[in-house]
Protein backbone atom coordinates (compact mmCIF):
# COMPACT_ATOMS: atom_id res chain seq x y z
CA MET A 1 0.00 0.00 0.00
CA ALA A 2 3.05 2.25 0.09
CA THR A 3 2.55 2.81 -3.64
CA ALA A 4 -1.19 3.57 -3.39
CA GLN A 5 -2.41 6.85 -4.79
CA SER A 6 -5.32 9.09 -3.85
CA ASN A 7 -7.12 11.97 -5.50
CA PHE A 8 -6.80 10.61 -9.03
CA LYS A 9 -9.19 10.56 -11.93
CA THR A 10 -10.51 7.38 -13.47
CA GLY A 11 -13.12 7.71 -16.17
CA ASP A 12 -15.33 10.68 -15.31
CA SER A 13 -14.88 10.34 -11.56
CA THR A 14 -12.21 11.33 -9.08
CA ILE A 15 -11.26 8.70 -6.54
CA SER A 16 -10.72 10.81 -3.45
CA SER A 17 -9.30 7.90 -1.45
CA PHE A 18 -9.41 4.19 -0.98
CA LYS A 19 -8.86 2.01 2.04
CA PHE A 20 -7.29 -1.43 2.14
CA ILE A 21 -9.60 -4.14 3.53
CA GLU A 22 -8.03 -7.51 2.73
CA ALA A 23 -5.52 -9.14 0.39
CA ALA A 24 -4.69 -12.56 -1.02
CA THR A 25 -2.05 -13.89 -3.40
CA ALA A 26 -1.91 -16.88 -5.70
CA PRO A 27 0.65 -18.21 -8.16
CA ILE A 28 0.10 -17.42 -11.80
CA PRO A 29 -0.06 -20.69 -13.79
CA GLU A 30 3.29 -21.40 -15.44
CA ASP A 31 1.82 -21.42 -18.93
CA VAL A 32 0.52 -17.86 -18.37
CA GLN A 33 3.64 -16.38 -16.73
CA GLN A 34 5.44 -13.66 -18.68
CA PHE A 35 7.57 -10.59 -17.91
CA GLY A 36 8.92 -12.19 -14.72
CA ALA A 37 5.43 -12.42 -13.23
CA LYS A 38 5.04 -15.25 -10.73
CA GLU A 39 2.13 -14.29 -8.45
CA LEU A 40 -1.03 -12.27 -8.57
CA MET A 41 -2.16 -10.25 -5.56
CA VAL A 42 -5.72 -9.02 -5.14
CA LEU A 43 -6.50 -6.18 -2.77
CA LEU A 44 -10.06 -5.67 -1.66
CA VAL A 45 -10.45 -1.92 -1.24
CA ALA A 46 -13.20 0.51 -0.27
CA ILE A 47 -13.30 3.34 -2.80
CA ASN A 48 -14.54 6.86 -2.04
CA ILE A 49 -15.67 8.71 -5.16
CA ASP A 50 -15.75 12.48 -5.52
CA ASP A 51 -18.16 13.05 -8.40
CA PRO A 52 -20.96 15.63 -8.62
CA ASN A 53 -22.95 13.24 -10.83
CA VAL A 54 -23.07 10.55 -8.13
CA GLU A 55 -26.18 10.50 -5.93
CA ASP A 56 -26.00 12.22 -2.55
CA GLY A 57 -25.42 9.75 0.23
CA PHE A 58 -23.37 7.39 -1.92
CA GLN A 59 -20.57 6.29 0.38
CA GLY A 60 -18.39 4.53 -2.17
CA ALA A 61 -17.90 0.95 -3.21
CA GLN A 62 -15.79 -2.09 -2.51
CA GLY A 63 -13.89 -3.84 -5.25
CA PRO A 64 -10.73 -5.65 -6.25
CA GLU A 65 -7.49 -4.11 -7.43
CA TYR A 66 -4.77 -6.41 -8.75
CA VAL A 67 -0.98 -6.24 -8.66
CA VAL A 68 1.47 -8.62 -10.35
CA LEU A 69 4.40 -9.81 -8.22
CA ASP A 70 7.77 -11.21 -9.24
CA ALA A 71 9.47 -14.28 -7.74
CA ASP A 72 10.67 -12.19 -4.76
CA GLY A 73 7.16 -10.90 -4.03
CA GLN A 74 7.98 -7.41 -5.33
CA PRO A 75 5.38 -5.58 -7.44
CA LEU A 76 5.95 -5.59 -11.20
CA GLY A 77 2.91 -3.50 -11.99
CA PRO A 78 -0.82 -3.16 -11.59
CA LEU A 79 -2.76 -5.78 -13.47
CA GLY A 80 -4.94 -4.39 -16.21
CA THR A 81 -5.89 -0.87 -17.16
CA PHE A 82 -8.49 -0.52 -14.39
CA SER A 83 -5.98 -1.10 -11.56
CA GLN A 84 -3.25 1.09 -13.09
CA PRO A 85 -4.30 4.48 -11.65
CA PHE A 86 -4.61 3.13 -8.10
CA PHE A 87 -0.87 2.59 -7.69
CA ASP A 88 2.29 4.53 -8.32
CA ILE A 89 3.93 1.51 -9.94
CA GLU A 90 5.03 1.70 -13.55
CA PRO A 91 4.42 -1.57 -15.38
CA PRO A 92 7.12 -3.01 -17.62
CA GLU A 93 7.60 -0.94 -20.78
CA ASP A 94 7.30 -4.03 -22.96
CA PRO A 95 4.60 -3.38 -25.58
CA GLY A 96 3.01 -6.77 -24.86
CA TRP A 97 2.45 -6.04 -21.15
CA THR A 98 -0.93 -4.32 -21.51
CA ALA A 99 -2.51 -7.08 -23.61
CA TRP A 100 -1.07 -9.78 -21.33
CA ALA A 101 -2.17 -7.98 -18.14
CA ASP A 102 -5.67 -7.30 -19.45
CA GLY A 103 -5.96 -10.97 -20.40
CA VAL A 104 -4.92 -12.13 -16.93
CA ALA A 105 -7.24 -9.55 -15.32
CA ASP A 106 -10.16 -11.14 -17.20
CA SER A 107 -9.06 -14.71 -16.48
CA ASP A 108 -10.33 -17.40 -14.13
CA VAL A 109 -7.12 -16.93 -12.10
CA ALA A 110 -8.08 -13.35 -11.21
CA TYR A 111 -11.74 -14.22 -10.70
CA ASP A 112 -10.95 -17.16 -8.41
CA LEU A 113 -8.48 -15.06 -6.42
CA PHE A 114 -11.10 -12.34 -5.91
CA GLY A 115 -13.29 -15.06 -4.36
CA CYS A 116 -10.73 -15.32 -1.55
CA VAL A 117 -11.41 -11.74 -0.42
CA ASP A 118 -14.97 -11.15 -1.68
CA PRO A 119 -17.12 -10.32 1.36
CA ASN A 120 -20.31 -11.49 -0.36
């Protein structure tokens, strides 16, 4: 969470802050590993949105943010374009990273890992 950001824009909304709730990690299947990625970490966070178009009384939302870890457990980059603005971590500059990360973000691996922290 040392690399977490606040007061950033995503889409039409500004995320004023987000709070860490729970995390889990899982290995990335060997046949999917690229760019030195070995594990996937999911962070369940509570998001506070600052948007005049959002209904009064809306307190925010909970959701997953993903980070890819190397063999030493160090972050390589946020997984997928949705998680990118939440962290001050630059993903690898390899042109294939974005397509690979978006594919993993939409995979059963990410979905199953979210089940480990999903409060519902």
